Every structure is written in C-alpha cells, then in structure tokens.
Amino acid sequence: MPSPDETTPQDLVAACRRLYASIDRLDTKAANTVGVSRNDLRCLNMLAEAPVKPSKIAAELGLTTGSVTTLLDRLERADLARRERDPDDRRGVIVHPTPYLFETLGPIYSGVAREIERIAAEYSADERKAAVKHLNDASSAYEAVTSVDDR
C-alpha cells in the first residue's frame, strides 16, 4: 500500500480526467462565445494552427465532403473562416482563419496559456520536464487507443 504522500498511477489517471474535463468546459465556453458547435470549434482549432484544405478537415473530423461544405458555410457566415483558391491547385480551396476568430477566441485560450506559464514558472526545471513528459505520454496513450479503434 502506498504511503499517504506517494503518488500512484491511479492519481495520474484521476488528474488526467480532471484536466480533460476542464479542457472540455473551456471548449464549451469558447464554442458558446462564437455560437458554433463543438465540431465547428475543432475545425477552428485546426485553422488557428495553419490554413488547411477541406479534405484535411474532413479527414480530421471524420466528416463527408458535403458536411465540411456545410460546416464551412456556417463558419464563413459567422466571419470565423474564409475559403480562398489554392495557389498550387486552381480547382482547390484552402480555408483560412479570419481576424475575428482570433479576436473572439484568442483571449480565452491565451488566458489559459498565461495561467499555465505562471504556474509552470514556479516549477523547477526537473518538474517542468516531468510535466511535459507526462502530458506527452498521456497524449500517446489516447492516440494509441484511438488508432486501435480506427483499424
């Protein structure tokens, strides 16, 4: 039996559940802020990283091309995304984020980033290294399970 001040693997699982529930609540707040669905928000999170082709959105979100068209129509009406011709493929389209996307959702997510940085600044270098390792390991665990489901 572990001592009262020892952290167990189950403690890590519980902390992960709390983290993911917190992320879920934050994403719900963000989606509600701009009036989109959670799936639309997942697309917006992709766009925040870089412009993407609709085919990548379909693959990442598990949607048909028709569903992606409808999703992009909604995001364009909300001024959160815009479609432009792909300069490398005159028949193709690339989806870009709009400034409004960053104006509305940026403060929500940057607020969390600032708070994490504030907390992490109190950690030792070894604690930060261990935290990064754990988060990457937890991500790998989720990816391993989802890749098994995809087979």
N, C-alpha and C. Protein backbone atom coordinates (compact mmCIF):
# COMPACT_ATOMS: atom_id res chain seq x y z
N MET A 1 0.85 -1.19 0.00
CA MET A 1 0.00 0.00 0.00
C MET A 1 0.89 1.25 0.00
N PRO A 2 0.59 2.22 -0.90
CA PRO A 2 1.43 3.42 -0.96
C PRO A 2 1.25 4.28 0.29
N SER A 3 2.32 5.00 0.63
CA SER A 3 2.22 5.92 1.76
C SER A 3 1.32 7.09 1.37
N PRO A 4 0.77 7.81 2.38
CA PRO A 4 -0.18 8.90 2.09
C PRO A 4 0.38 9.99 1.19
N ASP A 5 1.70 10.21 1.19
CA ASP A 5 2.26 11.27 0.36
C ASP A 5 2.84 10.75 -0.95
N GLU A 6 2.61 9.49 -1.28
CA GLU A 6 3.10 8.90 -2.53
C GLU A 6 2.02 9.02 -3.61
N THR A 7 2.44 9.38 -4.81
CA THR A 7 1.52 9.49 -5.94
C THR A 7 1.47 8.15 -6.67
N THR A 8 0.27 7.67 -6.93
CA THR A 8 0.09 6.38 -7.59
C THR A 8 -0.28 6.60 -9.06
N PRO A 9 -0.17 5.56 -9.89
CA PRO A 9 -0.65 5.68 -11.26
C PRO A 9 -2.13 6.08 -11.34
N GLN A 10 -2.92 5.62 -10.38
CA GLN A 10 -4.34 5.99 -10.36
C GLN A 10 -4.52 7.48 -10.11
N ASP A 11 -3.61 8.08 -9.33
CA ASP A 11 -3.65 9.52 -9.11
C ASP A 11 -3.42 10.26 -10.43
N LEU A 12 -2.52 9.74 -11.26
CA LEU A 12 -2.28 10.36 -12.57
C LEU A 12 -3.50 10.24 -13.47
N VAL A 13 -4.15 9.08 -13.44
CA VAL A 13 -5.37 8.90 -14.24
C VAL A 13 -6.44 9.89 -13.78
N ALA A 14 -6.60 10.04 -12.47
CA ALA A 14 -7.60 10.98 -11.94
C ALA A 14 -7.26 12.41 -12.33
N ALA A 15 -5.98 12.76 -12.29
CA ALA A 15 -5.57 14.12 -12.68
C ALA A 15 -5.83 14.35 -14.17
N CYS A 16 -5.60 13.32 -14.98
CA CYS A 16 -5.90 13.44 -16.42
C CYS A 16 -7.38 13.65 -16.64
N ARG A 17 -8.21 12.90 -15.94
CA ARG A 17 -9.66 13.07 -16.09
C ARG A 17 -10.07 14.50 -15.72
N ARG A 18 -9.50 15.02 -14.65
CA ARG A 18 -9.82 16.39 -14.25
C ARG A 18 -9.36 17.37 -15.32
N LEU A 19 -8.15 17.17 -15.85
CA LEU A 19 -7.64 18.05 -16.90
C LEU A 19 -8.54 18.02 -18.13
N TYR A 20 -8.90 16.85 -18.58
CA TYR A 20 -9.72 16.75 -19.80
C TYR A 20 -11.12 17.30 -19.57
N ALA A 21 -11.65 17.15 -18.38
CA ALA A 21 -12.96 17.75 -18.08
C ALA A 21 -12.84 19.28 -18.09
N SER A 22 -11.74 19.80 -17.59
CA SER A 22 -11.52 21.25 -17.61
C SER A 22 -11.38 21.77 -19.03
N ILE A 23 -10.65 21.03 -19.86
CA ILE A 23 -10.50 21.41 -21.27
C ILE A 23 -11.85 21.37 -21.97
N ASP A 24 -12.65 20.36 -21.65
CA ASP A 24 -13.98 20.24 -22.24
C ASP A 24 -14.85 21.45 -21.88
N ARG A 25 -14.79 21.87 -20.62
CA ARG A 25 -15.58 23.04 -20.20
C ARG A 25 -15.08 24.31 -20.89
N LEU A 26 -13.77 24.45 -21.04
CA LEU A 26 -13.21 25.61 -21.72
C LEU A 26 -13.64 25.62 -23.19
N ASP A 27 -13.59 24.47 -23.84
CA ASP A 27 -14.01 24.40 -25.25
C ASP A 27 -15.50 24.70 -25.39
N THR A 28 -16.30 24.26 -24.45
CA THR A 28 -17.73 24.58 -24.48
C THR A 28 -17.93 26.09 -24.36
N LYS A 29 -17.18 26.72 -23.46
CA LYS A 29 -17.26 28.18 -23.31
C LYS A 29 -16.85 28.86 -24.61
N ALA A 30 -15.77 28.41 -25.22
CA ALA A 30 -15.30 29.01 -26.47
C ALA A 30 -16.33 28.84 -27.58
N ALA A 31 -16.88 27.64 -27.72
CA ALA A 31 -17.89 27.39 -28.75
C ALA A 31 -19.11 28.28 -28.53
N ASN A 32 -19.55 28.38 -27.29
CA ASN A 32 -20.71 29.23 -26.99
C ASN A 32 -20.42 30.70 -27.25
N THR A 33 -19.19 31.13 -27.02
CA THR A 33 -18.81 32.53 -27.23
C THR A 33 -19.03 32.96 -28.67
N VAL A 34 -18.70 32.08 -29.62
CA VAL A 34 -18.85 32.44 -31.03
C VAL A 34 -20.06 31.77 -31.68
N GLY A 35 -20.84 31.04 -30.89
CA GLY A 35 -22.08 30.46 -31.39
C GLY A 35 -21.90 29.33 -32.39
N VAL A 36 -20.93 28.46 -32.12
CA VAL A 36 -20.70 27.32 -33.02
C VAL A 36 -20.79 26.01 -32.24
N SER A 37 -20.86 24.92 -32.98
CA SER A 37 -20.88 23.60 -32.35
C SER A 37 -19.47 23.20 -31.95
N ARG A 38 -19.37 22.16 -31.16
CA ARG A 38 -18.05 21.67 -30.75
C ARG A 38 -17.27 21.15 -31.96
N ASN A 39 -17.95 20.54 -32.93
CA ASN A 39 -17.25 20.08 -34.13
C ASN A 39 -16.73 21.27 -34.93
N ASP A 40 -17.53 22.33 -35.01
CA ASP A 40 -17.07 23.55 -35.67
C ASP A 40 -15.84 24.09 -34.94
N LEU A 41 -15.85 24.04 -33.62
CA LEU A 41 -14.72 24.52 -32.83
C LEU A 41 -13.48 23.70 -33.13
N ARG A 42 -13.64 22.40 -33.28
CA ARG A 42 -12.48 21.57 -33.64
C ARG A 42 -11.88 22.03 -34.95
N CYS A 43 -12.70 22.39 -35.91
CA CYS A 43 -12.21 22.93 -37.18
C CYS A 43 -11.50 24.25 -36.94
N LEU A 44 -12.07 25.11 -36.14
CA LEU A 44 -11.45 26.41 -35.85
C LEU A 44 -10.10 26.23 -35.16
N ASN A 45 -9.98 25.24 -34.30
CA ASN A 45 -8.70 24.97 -33.66
C ASN A 45 -7.65 24.55 -34.69
N MET A 46 -8.08 23.80 -35.70
CA MET A 46 -7.16 23.44 -36.79
C MET A 46 -6.71 24.69 -37.53
N LEU A 47 -7.65 25.57 -37.82
CA LEU A 47 -7.34 26.79 -38.57
C LEU A 47 -6.43 27.73 -37.77
N ALA A 48 -6.55 27.71 -36.46
CA ALA A 48 -5.72 28.58 -35.64
C ALA A 48 -4.24 28.20 -35.77
N GLU A 49 -3.98 26.94 -36.11
CA GLU A 49 -2.60 26.49 -36.29
C GLU A 49 -2.07 26.86 -37.67
N ALA A 50 -2.90 26.69 -38.70
CA ALA A 50 -2.49 26.98 -40.08
C ALA A 50 -3.69 26.81 -41.00
N PRO A 51 -3.69 27.52 -42.13
CA PRO A 51 -4.76 27.29 -43.11
C PRO A 51 -4.73 25.83 -43.56
N VAL A 52 -5.91 25.28 -43.86
CA VAL A 52 -5.99 23.87 -44.23
C VAL A 52 -6.93 23.67 -45.42
N LYS A 53 -6.74 22.55 -46.07
CA LYS A 53 -7.63 22.16 -47.17
C LYS A 53 -8.87 21.50 -46.58
N PRO A 54 -10.00 21.64 -47.24
CA PRO A 54 -11.22 20.99 -46.75
C PRO A 54 -11.06 19.47 -46.60
N SER A 55 -10.27 18.85 -47.45
CA SER A 55 -10.07 17.40 -47.35
C SER A 55 -9.41 17.02 -46.03
N LYS A 56 -8.52 17.86 -45.53
CA LYS A 56 -7.89 17.58 -44.24
C LYS A 56 -8.91 17.76 -43.12
N ILE A 57 -9.75 18.76 -43.23
CA ILE A 57 -10.81 18.96 -42.22
C ILE A 57 -11.70 17.72 -42.19
N ALA A 58 -12.09 17.23 -43.36
CA ALA A 58 -12.94 16.04 -43.43
C ALA A 58 -12.26 14.85 -42.76
N ALA A 59 -10.98 14.65 -43.08
CA ALA A 59 -10.26 13.50 -42.51
C ALA A 59 -10.12 13.62 -41.00
N GLU A 60 -9.75 14.80 -40.52
CA GLU A 60 -9.54 15.00 -39.08
C GLU A 60 -10.83 14.89 -38.28
N LEU A 61 -11.92 15.40 -38.84
CA LEU A 61 -13.18 15.42 -38.11
C LEU A 61 -14.08 14.23 -38.43
N GLY A 62 -13.68 13.41 -39.39
CA GLY A 62 -14.49 12.25 -39.76
C GLY A 62 -15.79 12.65 -40.45
N LEU A 63 -15.72 13.66 -41.30
CA LEU A 63 -16.92 14.17 -41.98
C LEU A 63 -16.85 13.89 -43.48
N THR A 64 -18.00 13.90 -44.10
CA THR A 64 -18.06 13.81 -45.56
C THR A 64 -17.71 15.18 -46.14
N THR A 65 -17.40 15.20 -47.44
CA THR A 65 -17.10 16.48 -48.07
C THR A 65 -18.31 17.41 -48.04
N GLY A 66 -19.51 16.85 -48.17
CA GLY A 66 -20.72 17.66 -48.10
C GLY A 66 -20.90 18.28 -46.73
N SER A 67 -20.60 17.51 -45.68
CA SER A 67 -20.71 18.04 -44.32
C SER A 67 -19.68 19.14 -44.07
N VAL A 68 -18.50 18.98 -44.64
CA VAL A 68 -17.47 20.01 -44.49
C VAL A 68 -17.91 21.29 -45.19
N THR A 69 -18.51 21.16 -46.36
CA THR A 69 -19.01 22.34 -47.07
C THR A 69 -20.03 23.08 -46.21
N THR A 70 -20.94 22.36 -45.60
CA THR A 70 -21.95 22.97 -44.73
C THR A 70 -21.29 23.62 -43.51
N LEU A 71 -20.33 22.94 -42.92
CA LEU A 71 -19.60 23.48 -41.77
C LEU A 71 -18.90 24.78 -42.17
N LEU A 72 -18.22 24.78 -43.31
CA LEU A 72 -17.50 25.99 -43.75
C LEU A 72 -18.46 27.12 -44.10
N ASP A 73 -19.62 26.78 -44.64
CA ASP A 73 -20.64 27.81 -44.89
C ASP A 73 -21.01 28.50 -43.57
N ARG A 74 -21.21 27.71 -42.50
CA ARG A 74 -21.55 28.28 -41.19
C ARG A 74 -20.43 29.17 -40.67
N LEU A 75 -19.19 28.69 -40.78
CA LEU A 75 -18.05 29.45 -40.26
C LEU A 75 -17.83 30.74 -41.05
N GLU A 76 -18.09 30.71 -42.35
CA GLU A 76 -17.98 31.93 -43.14
C GLU A 76 -19.08 32.93 -42.77
N ARG A 77 -20.30 32.45 -42.58
CA ARG A 77 -21.39 33.34 -42.17
C ARG A 77 -21.09 34.00 -40.84
N ALA A 78 -20.39 33.29 -39.95
CA ALA A 78 -20.04 33.82 -38.63
C ALA A 78 -18.75 34.64 -38.68
N ASP A 79 -18.16 34.80 -39.85
CA ASP A 79 -16.91 35.55 -40.04
C ASP A 79 -15.74 34.95 -39.26
N LEU A 80 -15.71 33.63 -39.15
CA LEU A 80 -14.64 32.95 -38.43
C LEU A 80 -13.63 32.28 -39.37
N ALA A 81 -14.04 32.06 -40.62
CA ALA A 81 -13.18 31.41 -41.61
C ALA A 81 -13.53 31.94 -42.99
N ARG A 82 -12.57 31.78 -43.89
CA ARG A 82 -12.83 32.16 -45.28
C ARG A 82 -12.13 31.16 -46.20
N ARG A 83 -12.79 30.88 -47.31
CA ARG A 83 -12.21 29.98 -48.32
C ARG A 83 -11.54 30.82 -49.40
N GLU A 84 -10.36 30.37 -49.81
CA GLU A 84 -9.64 31.03 -50.91
C GLU A 84 -9.15 29.96 -51.87
N ARG A 85 -8.96 30.35 -53.10
CA ARG A 85 -8.41 29.44 -54.10
C ARG A 85 -7.01 29.01 -53.67
N ASP A 86 -6.70 27.75 -53.88
CA ASP A 86 -5.38 27.22 -53.60
C ASP A 86 -4.44 27.68 -54.71
N PRO A 87 -3.38 28.42 -54.40
CA PRO A 87 -2.50 28.91 -55.46
C PRO A 87 -1.76 27.79 -56.19
N ASP A 88 -1.67 26.61 -55.57
CA ASP A 88 -0.98 25.48 -56.19
C ASP A 88 -1.92 24.56 -56.96
N ASP A 89 -3.24 24.77 -56.82
CA ASP A 89 -4.23 23.92 -57.48
C ASP A 89 -5.44 24.79 -57.77
N ARG A 90 -5.59 25.22 -59.01
CA ARG A 90 -6.63 26.20 -59.33
C ARG A 90 -8.04 25.68 -59.06
N ARG A 91 -8.21 24.36 -58.95
CA ARG A 91 -9.53 23.81 -58.62
C ARG A 91 -9.72 23.67 -57.12
N GLY A 92 -8.63 23.77 -56.36
CA GLY A 92 -8.68 23.53 -54.92
C GLY A 92 -8.96 24.78 -54.11
N VAL A 93 -9.24 24.55 -52.86
CA VAL A 93 -9.56 25.61 -51.91
C VAL A 93 -8.71 25.41 -50.65
N ILE A 94 -8.35 26.51 -50.04
CA ILE A 94 -7.69 26.48 -48.72
C ILE A 94 -8.53 27.33 -47.79
N VAL A 95 -8.74 26.84 -46.58
CA VAL A 95 -9.55 27.55 -45.60
C VAL A 95 -8.61 28.29 -44.64
N HIS A 96 -8.89 29.58 -44.46
CA HIS A 96 -8.08 30.44 -43.62
C HIS A 96 -8.91 30.94 -42.44
N PRO A 97 -8.24 31.19 -41.30
CA PRO A 97 -8.93 31.85 -40.19
C PRO A 97 -9.10 33.33 -40.50
N THR A 98 -10.05 33.97 -39.88
CA THR A 98 -10.23 35.41 -40.03
C THR A 98 -9.68 36.11 -38.79
N PRO A 99 -9.44 37.39 -38.87
CA PRO A 99 -9.03 38.13 -37.67
C PRO A 99 -10.07 38.03 -36.55
N TYR A 100 -11.35 37.98 -36.93
CA TYR A 100 -12.41 37.89 -35.92
C TYR A 100 -12.27 36.62 -35.08
N LEU A 101 -11.83 35.53 -35.69
CA LEU A 101 -11.61 34.29 -34.94
C LEU A 101 -10.64 34.54 -33.79
N PHE A 102 -9.52 35.19 -34.11
CA PHE A 102 -8.52 35.43 -33.08
C PHE A 102 -8.96 36.49 -32.08
N GLU A 103 -9.75 37.45 -32.52
CA GLU A 103 -10.25 38.49 -31.61
C GLU A 103 -11.20 37.90 -30.58
N THR A 104 -12.01 36.92 -31.00
CA THR A 104 -13.02 36.37 -30.09
C THR A 104 -12.49 35.21 -29.24
N LEU A 105 -11.80 34.28 -29.87
CA LEU A 105 -11.35 33.10 -29.14
C LEU A 105 -9.94 33.24 -28.58
N GLY A 106 -9.16 34.12 -29.17
CA GLY A 106 -7.79 34.32 -28.71
C GLY A 106 -7.68 34.62 -27.23
N PRO A 107 -8.47 35.57 -26.72
CA PRO A 107 -8.35 35.89 -25.29
C PRO A 107 -8.68 34.71 -24.37
N ILE A 108 -9.60 33.86 -24.78
CA ILE A 108 -9.96 32.70 -23.95
C ILE A 108 -8.77 31.76 -23.84
N TYR A 109 -8.21 31.37 -24.98
CA TYR A 109 -7.12 30.39 -24.97
C TYR A 109 -5.80 31.00 -24.51
N SER A 110 -5.55 32.27 -24.83
CA SER A 110 -4.30 32.88 -24.36
C SER A 110 -4.34 33.10 -22.86
N GLY A 111 -5.54 33.30 -22.30
CA GLY A 111 -5.67 33.41 -20.85
C GLY A 111 -5.24 32.13 -20.15
N VAL A 112 -5.63 31.01 -20.71
CA VAL A 112 -5.23 29.72 -20.14
C VAL A 112 -3.71 29.55 -20.28
N ALA A 113 -3.17 29.89 -21.45
CA ALA A 113 -1.73 29.75 -21.67
C ALA A 113 -0.95 30.60 -20.66
N ARG A 114 -1.40 31.82 -20.44
CA ARG A 114 -0.71 32.68 -19.46
C ARG A 114 -0.76 32.08 -18.06
N GLU A 115 -1.90 31.52 -17.69
CA GLU A 115 -2.03 30.93 -16.35
C GLU A 115 -1.13 29.70 -16.21
N ILE A 116 -1.06 28.88 -17.25
CA ILE A 116 -0.17 27.72 -17.21
C ILE A 116 1.28 28.17 -17.09
N GLU A 117 1.65 29.19 -17.86
CA GLU A 117 3.03 29.71 -17.79
C GLU A 117 3.33 30.26 -16.39
N ARG A 118 2.36 30.94 -15.79
CA ARG A 118 2.55 31.48 -14.44
C ARG A 118 2.80 30.34 -13.45
N ILE A 119 1.99 29.31 -13.53
CA ILE A 119 2.14 28.16 -12.62
C ILE A 119 3.46 27.45 -12.88
N ALA A 120 3.77 27.21 -14.16
CA ALA A 120 4.99 26.48 -14.51
C ALA A 120 6.25 27.24 -14.12
N ALA A 121 6.17 28.56 -14.05
CA ALA A 121 7.34 29.35 -13.65
C ALA A 121 7.76 29.03 -12.21
N GLU A 122 6.83 28.51 -11.42
CA GLU A 122 7.13 28.14 -10.03
C GLU A 122 7.75 26.75 -9.93
N TYR A 123 7.72 25.99 -11.02
CA TYR A 123 8.28 24.64 -11.05
C TYR A 123 9.79 24.71 -11.24
N SER A 124 10.45 23.69 -10.74
CA SER A 124 11.87 23.54 -11.05
C SER A 124 11.98 23.03 -12.49
N ALA A 125 13.18 23.10 -13.05
CA ALA A 125 13.40 22.59 -14.40
C ALA A 125 13.03 21.11 -14.49
N ASP A 126 13.37 20.34 -13.46
CA ASP A 126 13.04 18.91 -13.46
C ASP A 126 11.54 18.68 -13.38
N GLU A 127 10.84 19.50 -12.61
CA GLU A 127 9.37 19.37 -12.53
C GLU A 127 8.72 19.70 -13.87
N ARG A 128 9.20 20.75 -14.54
CA ARG A 128 8.65 21.08 -15.87
C ARG A 128 8.93 19.95 -16.85
N LYS A 129 10.12 19.40 -16.80
CA LYS A 129 10.48 18.29 -17.70
C LYS A 129 9.56 17.09 -17.44
N ALA A 130 9.32 16.78 -16.18
CA ALA A 130 8.44 15.65 -15.83
C ALA A 130 7.00 15.93 -16.27
N ALA A 131 6.55 17.18 -16.11
CA ALA A 131 5.18 17.53 -16.52
C ALA A 131 5.02 17.40 -18.02
N VAL A 132 5.98 17.91 -18.78
CA VAL A 132 5.92 17.80 -20.24
C VAL A 132 5.94 16.33 -20.66
N LYS A 133 6.80 15.55 -20.02
CA LYS A 133 6.86 14.11 -20.34
C LYS A 133 5.51 13.45 -20.07
N HIS A 134 4.91 13.74 -18.92
CA HIS A 134 3.63 13.13 -18.60
C HIS A 134 2.56 13.53 -19.61
N LEU A 135 2.48 14.80 -19.94
CA LEU A 135 1.45 15.24 -20.89
C LEU A 135 1.65 14.58 -22.26
N ASN A 136 2.90 14.47 -22.69
CA ASN A 136 3.17 13.79 -23.96
C ASN A 136 2.84 12.30 -23.87
N ASP A 137 3.17 11.68 -22.75
CA ASP A 137 2.84 10.26 -22.56
C ASP A 137 1.33 10.05 -22.53
N ALA A 138 0.60 10.94 -21.87
CA ALA A 138 -0.86 10.83 -21.83
C ALA A 138 -1.43 10.99 -23.24
N SER A 139 -0.91 11.93 -24.00
CA SER A 139 -1.35 12.09 -25.39
C SER A 139 -1.10 10.83 -26.18
N SER A 140 0.06 10.23 -26.00
CA SER A 140 0.40 8.98 -26.70
C SER A 140 -0.57 7.86 -26.33
N ALA A 141 -0.97 7.82 -25.05
CA ALA A 141 -1.93 6.79 -24.62
C ALA A 141 -3.26 6.95 -25.34
N TYR A 142 -3.74 8.19 -25.42
CA TYR A 142 -5.00 8.44 -26.14
C TYR A 142 -4.86 8.10 -27.61
N GLU A 143 -3.73 8.49 -28.21
CA GLU A 143 -3.51 8.19 -29.63
C GLU A 143 -3.42 6.70 -29.88
N ALA A 144 -2.80 5.95 -28.97
CA ALA A 144 -2.69 4.50 -29.12
C ALA A 144 -4.08 3.85 -29.11
N VAL A 145 -4.92 4.30 -28.20
CA VAL A 145 -6.27 3.73 -28.10
C VAL A 145 -7.11 4.10 -29.32
N THR A 146 -7.02 5.34 -29.77
CA THR A 146 -7.82 5.74 -30.92
C THR A 146 -7.32 5.09 -32.20
N SER A 147 -6.02 4.85 -32.32
CA SER A 147 -5.53 4.19 -33.54
C SER A 147 -5.97 2.73 -33.57
N VAL A 148 -6.11 2.10 -32.40
CA VAL A 148 -6.62 0.73 -32.34
C VAL A 148 -8.08 0.71 -32.81
N ASP A 149 -8.86 1.72 -32.38
CA ASP A 149 -10.29 1.79 -32.78
C ASP A 149 -10.45 2.03 -34.27
N ASP A 150 -9.47 2.68 -34.89
CA ASP A 150 -9.57 3.02 -36.30
C ASP A 150 -9.27 1.83 -37.21
N ARG A 151 -8.76 0.76 -36.68
CA ARG A 151 -8.39 -0.40 -37.51
C ARG A 151 -9.57 -1.22 -37.92
